[in-house]
Amino acid sequence: MRIRLSVVGVALAATMIVLAGVDGRHQTGVFLAIAAVASALYSVAAWTVLRSAEAARNGLWFCLALAAVCRVPLVVAEPTISDDIYRYVWDGRVQRFGHNPYLSPPADPALAGFHTPVTRLTNHPELPTIYPPAAQWFFRGVTAIHESVLALKLAFVVCDALIVLLLLRWLSRAGQSPWRVLVYWWNPLVMIEVAGSGHVDALGALLLLLSFLALSERKTLLAALSLVASVEVKFLPIVLVPMFWRRIRVRDAVVALLFALALAVPFLSGLLHPPIGSLPTYLAKWRFNGPAFALVEHVFRSRWLVALPVAAGLAVAARLRIDNLSPSTWAWPMAAALLLMPAVYPWYLVWITPYLGALETLPLLIWTQTALLTYAVWHVSAEGGGWHLPWWVPAVEFGGAAAAALWVVFLRIRRPEGRDVPGRGA
């Protein structure tokens, strides 16, 4: 297994290094072709790892180093398929000059003197920030050290590497093969969205994984604090709250809520102006790659439909409240919320990637690869078709995950005891 993985790993690293030199916005076809090769190699590696119970770490550090090396050109390359990181730079910069990013859109004429060549690339400059308070503190901290895209990317890659360390800790405690950490570390989507585009979701995923690990070790206060911190990076993990029912003390919950308030208070501009910035605009207008939401919205015209993803995630989390925590139980509530969101961008899936080392989550693992097809939107946009996806993209993206789900159900029916099922118990 180790020799096969080393060969596949070298090929995957070479593929990602080539991908780093491709402008995905203007060379979309080439980008998607190379990404498809990377996904195919990754699929072979993930299948190999999940079928093995290898416990020895000989060769593992070489495989970990391969993925670290191929992140380097992604980090130093300019982001092309997403420009969110320029907003992060602006949010950090404007805070250091005493302005509230929830009230200070980049296009504000009064703030023109605060711009740099980098912050002038900020997307949707007419809108204030959408990122919650914990993300804002992070932006401010990193840009205070060095105000650049590179500094933020490096910070997110550090978060990425810390996720690997936490996963190795959990795998060791759970008696699982340490090689399963490659299911996360070698995931092309993670490499592209964290090292390549520099998305803050890596920070949120790290905090959430810390919460999971702390809860599994019955460090309940740390678990509660980490959860609220992750929610204040992005709101997605709020659907996991039912997983904490009767697992943490009331005192822990109170302290965590006070911590959440402490993070938010410096950004308050009055009781009627919580730090949510352009979130209402996003919920009302942003529609992309959300076929399930689009169908429901077509039938039921209501502004309250934006609460549907949260309701679905909470419902799944409440149903999955079981005695023994496992990573897969944390993936499904977030996946349910994502499936019903009005906009589903590939980097949103970074949140679920640390929890995909089991058969039960194979459909989600497939989804993390097929979601990269949504970058075909750049070709459509360049051809004058607007910000819309070709019909075949969601068909392949969600169809691939659905086919994997049917296959998992078939295996469960055929082998109800779980014998010879790859990845069981991870």
Protein backbone atom coordinates (compact mmCIF):
# COMPACT_ATOMS: atom_id res chain seq x y z
CA MET A 1 0.00 0.00 0.00
CA ARG A 2 2.76 2.43 0.94
CA ILE A 3 4.54 2.11 -2.42
CA ARG A 4 1.28 2.57 -4.34
CA LEU A 5 0.37 5.63 -2.29
CA SER A 6 3.81 7.12 -2.75
CA VAL A 7 3.54 6.78 -6.53
CA VAL A 8 0.02 8.22 -6.59
CA GLY A 9 1.11 10.97 -4.22
CA VAL A 10 3.98 12.04 -6.43
CA ALA A 11 1.63 12.16 -9.44
CA LEU A 12 -0.95 14.13 -7.44
CA ALA A 13 1.67 16.60 -6.23
CA ALA A 14 2.94 17.11 -9.78
CA THR A 15 -0.61 17.67 -11.02
CA MET A 16 -1.36 20.27 -8.35
CA ILE A 17 1.92 22.07 -9.05
CA VAL A 18 0.92 22.34 -12.72
CA LEU A 19 -2.56 23.51 -11.68
CA ALA A 20 -1.02 26.33 -9.64
CA GLY A 21 0.28 27.87 -12.86
CA VAL A 22 -3.12 27.90 -14.58
CA ASP A 23 -5.40 30.94 -14.52
CA GLY A 24 -8.73 29.26 -13.79
CA ARG A 25 -10.70 32.37 -14.69
CA HIS A 26 -9.28 32.72 -18.20
CA GLN A 27 -8.16 29.13 -18.83
CA THR A 28 -11.19 27.44 -17.37
CA GLY A 29 -11.13 24.35 -19.59
CA VAL A 30 -7.49 23.65 -18.81
CA PHE A 31 -8.11 24.24 -15.11
CA LEU A 32 -11.04 21.81 -15.02
CA ALA A 33 -9.13 19.16 -16.99
CA ILE A 34 -6.16 19.26 -14.62
CA ALA A 35 -8.46 19.33 -11.59
CA ALA A 36 -10.21 16.23 -12.97
CA VAL A 37 -6.86 14.41 -13.18
CA ALA A 38 -6.09 15.44 -9.60
CA SER A 39 -9.50 14.22 -8.44
CA ALA A 40 -8.99 10.87 -10.18
CA LEU A 41 -5.61 10.39 -8.50
CA TYR A 42 -7.06 11.44 -5.17
CA SER A 43 -9.93 8.98 -5.55
CA VAL A 44 -7.45 6.13 -6.03
CA ALA A 45 -5.53 7.23 -2.94
CA ALA A 46 -8.64 7.67 -0.78
CA TRP A 47 -9.99 4.26 -1.79
CA THR A 48 -6.63 2.66 -1.00
CA VAL A 49 -6.45 4.30 2.41
CA LEU A 50 -10.03 3.51 3.40
CA ARG A 51 -9.65 -0.15 2.49
CA SER A 52 -6.52 -0.55 4.58
CA ALA A 53 -6.03 -0.95 8.31
CA GLU A 54 -2.33 -0.10 8.08
CA ALA A 55 -1.12 1.07 11.51
CA ALA A 56 2.58 1.65 10.88
CA ARG A 57 3.61 5.19 10.02
CA ASN A 58 6.57 4.24 7.82
CA GLY A 59 6.19 6.35 4.71
CA LEU A 60 3.32 8.43 6.07
CA TRP A 61 5.46 11.49 6.71
CA PHE A 62 6.72 11.34 3.13
CA CYS A 63 3.12 11.36 1.90
CA LEU A 64 2.26 14.25 4.21
CA ALA A 65 5.30 16.16 2.98
CA LEU A 66 4.26 15.65 -0.66
CA ALA A 67 0.99 17.48 -0.07
CA ALA A 68 2.81 20.21 1.84
CA VAL A 69 5.22 20.75 -1.04
CA CYS A 70 2.50 20.99 -3.68
CA ARG A 71 0.75 23.68 -1.60
CA VAL A 72 3.75 25.99 -1.96
CA PRO A 73 3.14 27.10 -5.59
CA LEU A 74 -0.57 27.45 -4.82
CA VAL A 75 0.21 29.77 -1.92
CA VAL A 76 2.55 32.05 -3.86
CA ALA A 77 0.31 32.21 -6.94
CA GLU A 78 -2.23 34.99 -7.24
CA PRO A 79 -5.80 33.76 -6.63
CA THR A 80 -7.72 33.60 -9.90
CA ILE A 81 -10.92 31.61 -9.36
CA SER A 82 -11.99 33.57 -6.26
CA ASP A 83 -11.28 37.08 -5.07
CA ASP A 84 -12.70 36.83 -1.54
CA ILE A 85 -9.25 37.21 0.00
CA TYR A 86 -9.03 40.84 -1.14
CA ARG A 87 -12.05 41.54 1.06
CA TYR A 88 -10.22 39.93 3.98
CA VAL A 89 -7.32 42.34 3.46
CA TRP A 90 -9.69 45.30 3.36
CA ASP A 91 -11.55 44.21 6.49
CA GLY A 92 -8.31 43.81 8.42
CA ARG A 93 -6.90 47.09 7.13
CA VAL A 94 -9.95 49.23 7.78
CA GLN A 95 -10.22 47.94 11.37
CA ARG A 96 -6.68 49.06 12.09
CA PHE A 97 -7.65 52.57 11.05
CA GLY A 98 -10.52 52.58 13.52
CA HIS A 99 -13.41 51.82 11.16
CA ASN A 100 -16.11 49.20 11.54
CA PRO A 101 -16.10 46.84 8.51
CA TYR A 102 -19.84 46.23 9.00
CA LEU A 103 -20.45 49.93 8.34
CA SER A 104 -17.59 50.70 5.97
CA PRO A 105 -18.03 49.40 2.42
CA PRO A 106 -14.91 49.71 0.28
CA ALA A 107 -16.73 51.96 -2.20
CA ASP A 108 -17.45 54.60 0.46
CA PRO A 109 -15.90 57.82 -0.95
CA ALA A 110 -14.90 58.85 2.56
CA LEU A 111 -12.61 55.81 2.73
CA ALA A 112 -10.95 56.25 -0.66
CA GLY A 113 -7.69 57.30 0.98
CA PHE A 114 -7.41 53.99 2.83
CA HIS A 115 -7.19 51.87 -0.30
CA THR A 116 -4.14 50.09 -1.64
CA PRO A 117 -3.72 48.35 -5.03
CA VAL A 118 -4.75 45.11 -3.31
CA THR A 119 -7.88 46.41 -1.56
CA ARG A 120 -9.08 48.02 -4.80
CA LEU A 121 -9.61 44.44 -6.04
CA THR A 122 -12.24 43.82 -3.33
CA ASN A 123 -15.39 42.22 -4.71
CA HIS A 124 -18.81 43.88 -4.33
CA PRO A 125 -17.23 47.07 -2.96
CA GLU A 126 -20.64 48.69 -2.55
CA LEU A 127 -21.48 46.26 0.27
CA PRO A 128 -20.09 46.11 3.82
CA THR A 129 -18.49 42.88 4.99
CA ILE A 130 -20.44 39.67 5.46
CA TYR A 131 -17.90 37.82 7.62
CA PRO A 132 -18.72 37.34 11.34
CA PRO A 133 -16.68 38.77 14.25
CA ALA A 134 -14.20 35.90 14.83
CA ALA A 135 -13.18 36.11 11.18
CA GLN A 136 -12.77 39.87 11.57
CA TRP A 137 -10.43 39.48 14.54
CA PHE A 138 -8.40 37.00 12.51
CA PHE A 139 -8.16 39.36 9.52
CA ARG A 140 -7.06 42.16 11.79
CA GLY A 141 -4.45 40.03 13.54
CA VAL A 142 -2.86 38.71 10.36
CA THR A 143 -2.82 42.03 8.52
CA ALA A 144 -1.31 43.68 11.60
CA ILE A 145 1.67 41.33 11.15
CA HIS A 146 1.84 41.72 7.38
CA GLU A 147 -0.84 43.20 5.18
CA SER A 148 -0.84 41.00 2.11
CA VAL A 149 -2.61 38.20 0.31
CA LEU A 150 0.41 35.99 0.91
CA ALA A 151 0.29 36.51 4.68
CA LEU A 152 -3.38 35.52 4.84
CA LYS A 153 -2.79 32.49 2.63
CA LEU A 154 0.06 31.35 4.86
CA ALA A 155 -2.14 31.78 7.92
CA PHE A 156 -4.84 29.62 6.38
CA VAL A 157 -2.32 26.94 5.40
CA VAL A 158 -1.17 26.89 9.03
CA CYS A 159 -4.80 26.24 9.98
CA ASP A 160 -4.83 23.51 7.35
CA ALA A 161 -1.75 21.84 8.85
CA LEU A 162 -3.16 22.08 12.38
CA ILE A 163 -6.24 20.22 11.17
CA VAL A 164 -3.92 17.38 10.13
CA LEU A 165 -2.37 17.28 13.60
CA LEU A 166 -5.79 17.17 15.26
CA LEU A 167 -6.92 14.41 12.93
CA LEU A 168 -3.83 12.37 13.72
CA ARG A 169 -4.57 12.80 17.42
CA TRP A 170 -8.15 11.63 16.96
CA LEU A 171 -7.17 8.68 14.78
CA SER A 172 -4.64 7.58 17.40
CA ARG A 173 -7.20 7.80 20.22
CA ALA A 174 -9.81 5.97 18.17
CA GLY A 175 -7.44 3.17 17.18
CA GLN A 176 -7.80 4.00 13.49
CA SER A 177 -5.11 3.90 10.82
CA PRO A 178 -3.15 7.18 10.78
CA TRP A 179 -3.06 6.94 6.97
CA ARG A 180 -6.67 8.08 6.89
CA VAL A 181 -5.45 11.61 7.51
CA LEU A 182 -4.58 11.64 3.80
CA VAL A 183 -8.29 11.61 2.98
CA TYR A 184 -8.24 15.20 4.19
CA TRP A 185 -4.68 16.36 3.46
CA TRP A 186 -4.62 15.11 -0.13
CA ASN A 187 -8.08 16.41 -1.07
CA PRO A 188 -7.65 18.65 -4.16
CA LEU A 189 -10.60 20.81 -3.12
CA VAL A 190 -8.87 21.59 0.19
CA MET A 191 -5.61 22.44 -1.57
CA ILE A 192 -7.30 24.67 -4.14
CA GLU A 193 -9.61 26.51 -1.77
CA VAL A 194 -7.19 26.97 1.15
CA ALA A 195 -3.70 27.28 -0.32
CA GLY A 196 -4.84 28.48 -3.74
CA SER A 197 -7.72 30.86 -3.06
CA GLY A 198 -7.11 31.48 0.64
CA HIS A 199 -10.58 31.01 2.08
CA VAL A 200 -11.31 31.70 5.74
CA ASP A 201 -13.27 28.43 5.92
CA ALA A 202 -9.97 26.75 6.89
CA LEU A 203 -9.98 28.69 10.16
CA GLY A 204 -13.58 27.76 10.87
CA ALA A 205 -12.95 24.10 10.04
CA LEU A 206 -9.97 24.07 12.43
CA LEU A 207 -12.00 25.53 15.30
CA LEU A 208 -14.84 23.12 14.65
CA LEU A 209 -12.53 20.10 14.59
CA LEU A 210 -11.01 21.29 17.86
CA SER A 211 -14.54 21.40 19.27
CA PHE A 212 -15.21 17.84 18.11
CA LEU A 213 -11.97 16.55 19.57
CA ALA A 214 -12.51 18.37 22.87
CA LEU A 215 -16.04 17.01 23.13
CA SER A 216 -14.85 13.47 22.43
CA GLU A 217 -12.29 13.91 25.23
CA ARG A 218 -14.96 15.43 27.52
CA LYS A 219 -13.25 18.81 27.68
CA THR A 220 -16.65 20.41 27.54
CA LEU A 221 -15.76 24.05 28.11
CA LEU A 222 -13.14 24.00 25.34
CA ALA A 223 -15.65 22.25 23.09
CA ALA A 224 -18.28 24.93 23.69
CA LEU A 225 -15.84 27.82 23.22
CA SER A 226 -14.46 26.34 20.01
CA LEU A 227 -17.94 25.81 18.62
CA VAL A 228 -19.05 29.43 19.13
CA ALA A 229 -15.73 30.64 17.71
CA SER A 230 -16.28 28.54 14.57
CA VAL A 231 -19.84 29.86 14.26
CA GLU A 232 -18.43 33.39 14.41
CA VAL A 233 -16.16 32.58 11.49
CA LYS A 234 -19.12 31.46 9.39
CA PHE A 235 -22.57 30.53 10.61
CA LEU A 236 -22.76 27.03 9.06
CA PRO A 237 -21.78 24.98 12.18
CA ILE A 238 -24.64 26.44 14.19
CA VAL A 239 -26.63 23.44 12.95
CA LEU A 240 -24.47 21.21 15.18
CA VAL A 241 -25.83 22.71 18.42
CA PRO A 242 -28.10 19.68 19.09
CA MET A 243 -24.98 17.49 19.17
CA PHE A 244 -23.99 19.28 22.38
CA TRP A 245 -27.27 18.62 24.17
CA ARG A 246 -26.52 16.91 27.49
CA ARG A 247 -22.87 16.67 26.53
CA ILE A 248 -21.83 20.00 28.00
CA ARG A 249 -22.73 21.67 31.29
CA VAL A 250 -25.04 24.67 31.49
CA ARG A 251 -22.10 26.64 32.86
CA ASP A 252 -20.08 25.82 29.73
CA ALA A 253 -22.90 27.03 27.50
CA VAL A 254 -23.21 30.31 29.44
CA VAL A 255 -19.46 30.97 29.29
CA ALA A 256 -19.44 30.20 25.56
CA LEU A 257 -22.31 32.60 24.90
CA LEU A 258 -20.52 35.31 26.86
CA PHE A 259 -17.42 34.63 24.78
CA ALA A 260 -19.46 34.96 21.58
CA LEU A 261 -20.84 38.26 22.84
CA ALA A 262 -17.35 39.50 23.72
CA LEU A 263 -16.20 38.81 20.16
CA ALA A 264 -19.15 40.72 18.71
CA VAL A 265 -19.48 43.71 21.06
CA PRO A 266 -16.64 45.80 19.55
CA PHE A 267 -18.48 45.71 16.22
CA LEU A 268 -21.90 46.73 17.53
CA SER A 269 -23.21 50.06 16.30
CA GLY A 270 -26.38 50.06 18.38
CA LEU A 271 -28.93 47.56 19.59
CA LEU A 272 -30.64 47.55 16.23
CA HIS A 273 -27.45 47.04 14.26
CA PRO A 274 -25.86 43.66 15.04
CA PRO A 275 -22.61 42.81 13.24
CA ILE A 276 -24.10 41.02 10.24
CA GLY A 277 -23.17 43.52 7.52
CA SER A 278 -24.37 42.44 4.08
CA LEU A 279 -25.72 39.05 5.21
CA PRO A 280 -29.38 40.04 4.55
CA THR A 281 -28.43 41.10 1.02
CA TYR A 282 -26.60 37.83 0.45
CA LEU A 283 -29.58 35.77 1.62
CA ALA A 284 -32.03 37.77 -0.46
CA LYS A 285 -30.11 37.96 -3.74
CA TRP A 286 -27.31 35.40 -4.00
CA ARG A 287 -28.35 32.33 -5.99
CA PHE A 288 -25.76 29.91 -7.31
CA ASN A 289 -25.48 26.14 -7.58
CA GLY A 290 -28.39 25.53 -5.23
CA PRO A 291 -30.84 23.39 -7.27
CA ALA A 292 -32.72 22.08 -4.23
CA PHE A 293 -33.34 25.58 -2.89
CA ALA A 294 -34.23 26.85 -6.36
CA LEU A 295 -36.89 24.16 -6.70
CA VAL A 296 -38.42 24.92 -3.31
CA GLU A 297 -38.29 28.66 -3.96
CA HIS A 298 -40.02 28.16 -7.30
CA VAL A 299 -42.93 26.42 -5.55
CA PHE A 300 -43.07 28.45 -2.35
CA ARG A 301 -42.37 32.13 -2.77
CA SER A 302 -41.37 33.29 0.68
CA ARG A 303 -38.46 35.25 2.11
CA TRP A 304 -38.44 32.87 5.08
CA LEU A 305 -37.17 30.04 2.90
CA VAL A 306 -33.63 31.16 3.70
CA ALA A 307 -34.18 29.53 7.11
CA LEU A 308 -34.73 26.14 5.43
CA PRO A 309 -31.03 25.10 5.37
CA VAL A 310 -30.65 25.81 9.09
CA ALA A 311 -33.84 23.93 9.89
CA ALA A 312 -32.70 20.93 7.84
CA GLY A 313 -29.27 20.87 9.48
CA LEU A 314 -30.71 21.15 12.98
CA ALA A 315 -33.19 18.36 12.25
CA VAL A 316 -30.45 16.00 11.06
CA ALA A 317 -28.23 16.89 14.03
CA ALA A 318 -31.08 16.24 16.46
CA ARG A 319 -31.72 12.86 14.91
CA LEU A 320 -28.03 11.92 15.00
CA ARG A 321 -27.58 12.60 18.72
CA ILE A 322 -26.04 9.26 19.67
CA ASP A 323 -23.93 8.15 22.61
CA ASN A 324 -20.67 7.66 20.72
CA LEU A 325 -19.39 10.58 18.71
CA SER A 326 -17.80 9.87 15.34
CA PRO A 327 -16.60 12.30 12.68
CA SER A 328 -19.26 11.23 10.20
CA THR A 329 -22.04 12.32 12.58
CA TRP A 330 -20.70 15.87 12.32
CA ALA A 331 -20.55 15.86 8.53
CA TRP A 332 -24.19 15.11 7.78
CA PRO A 333 -25.94 18.03 9.54
CA MET A 334 -23.66 20.51 7.77
CA ALA A 335 -24.10 18.66 4.47
CA ALA A 336 -27.89 18.80 4.85
CA ALA A 337 -27.69 22.56 5.37
CA LEU A 338 -25.36 23.01 2.41
CA LEU A 339 -27.59 20.98 0.10
CA LEU A 340 -30.48 23.36 0.75
CA MET A 341 -28.57 26.63 0.65
CA PRO A 342 -29.43 29.21 -2.04
CA ALA A 343 -25.76 29.47 -2.97
CA VAL A 344 -23.24 26.62 -2.71
CA TYR A 345 -19.67 27.51 -3.57
CA PRO A 346 -16.95 24.82 -3.57
CA TRP A 347 -15.07 26.30 -0.61
CA TYR A 348 -18.14 25.84 1.62
CA LEU A 349 -17.38 22.11 1.51
CA VAL A 350 -14.06 22.66 3.29
CA TRP A 351 -16.12 22.54 6.52
CA ILE A 352 -17.03 18.89 6.02
CA THR A 353 -13.75 17.59 4.61
CA PRO A 354 -12.13 16.61 7.96
CA TYR A 355 -15.00 14.17 8.65
CA LEU A 356 -15.05 12.04 5.51
CA GLY A 357 -12.99 8.99 6.44
CA ALA A 358 -15.80 6.44 6.47
CA LEU A 359 -18.10 4.57 4.08
CA GLU A 360 -21.10 6.51 5.37
CA THR A 361 -19.65 9.75 4.06
CA LEU A 362 -18.52 8.47 0.64
CA PRO A 363 -21.24 10.51 -1.15
CA LEU A 364 -19.90 13.66 0.51
CA LEU A 365 -16.34 12.73 -0.44
CA ILE A 366 -17.48 12.44 -4.06
CA TRP A 367 -19.25 15.79 -3.74
CA THR A 368 -16.02 17.53 -2.71
CA GLN A 369 -14.59 16.52 -6.08
CA THR A 370 -17.57 17.11 -8.37
CA ALA A 371 -18.14 20.54 -6.78
CA LEU A 372 -15.02 21.80 -8.55
CA LEU A 373 -16.98 21.63 -11.81
CA THR A 374 -18.86 24.75 -10.73
CA TYR A 375 -15.84 26.79 -11.80
CA ALA A 376 -17.14 26.27 -15.33
CA VAL A 377 -19.13 29.40 -14.53
CA TRP A 378 -16.07 31.48 -15.44
CA HIS A 379 -16.21 30.17 -19.01
CA VAL A 380 -19.93 30.86 -19.22
CA SER A 381 -19.39 34.37 -17.88
CA ALA A 382 -16.58 35.05 -20.36
CA GLU A 383 -18.88 33.96 -23.20
CA GLY A 384 -21.52 36.47 -22.08
CA GLY A 385 -23.81 33.94 -20.42
CA GLY A 386 -23.82 35.65 -17.04
CA TRP A 387 -23.27 33.99 -13.69
CA HIS A 388 -25.05 30.74 -14.53
CA LEU A 389 -24.00 27.12 -14.68
CA PRO A 390 -24.53 24.83 -17.66
CA TRP A 391 -27.21 22.23 -16.89
CA TRP A 392 -24.71 19.39 -16.91
CA VAL A 393 -22.64 20.80 -14.03
CA PRO A 394 -25.22 20.34 -11.23
CA ALA A 395 -26.31 17.11 -12.91
CA VAL A 396 -22.81 15.66 -12.59
CA GLU A 397 -22.05 17.36 -9.28
CA PHE A 398 -25.08 16.15 -7.36
CA GLY A 399 -25.71 13.10 -9.53
CA GLY A 400 -22.29 11.70 -8.66
CA ALA A 401 -22.98 12.11 -4.95
CA ALA A 402 -26.43 10.55 -5.34
CA ALA A 403 -24.99 7.54 -7.19
CA ALA A 404 -22.45 7.06 -4.40
CA ALA A 405 -25.26 7.22 -1.84
CA LEU A 406 -27.17 4.47 -3.66
CA TRP A 407 -24.02 2.34 -3.77
CA VAL A 408 -23.53 2.78 -0.01
CA VAL A 409 -27.14 1.74 0.61
CA PHE A 410 -26.63 -1.31 -1.59
CA LEU A 411 -23.52 -2.32 0.37
CA ARG A 412 -25.36 -1.86 3.65
CA ILE A 413 -28.19 -4.11 2.48
CA ARG A 414 -25.78 -6.69 1.11
CA ARG A 415 -23.48 -6.64 4.15
CA PRO A 416 -25.59 -5.63 7.13
CA GLU A 417 -22.87 -6.65 9.58
CA GLY A 418 -20.40 -4.31 7.88
CA ARG A 419 -17.91 -7.06 6.95
CA ASP A 420 -15.39 -6.10 4.31
CA VAL A 421 -16.81 -2.60 4.13
CA PRO A 422 -14.05 -0.06 3.56
CA GLY A 423 -13.76 2.71 6.07
CA ARG A 424 -16.21 1.34 8.60
CA GLY A 425 -15.90 2.90 12.03
CA ALA A 426 -13.72 5.81 10.91
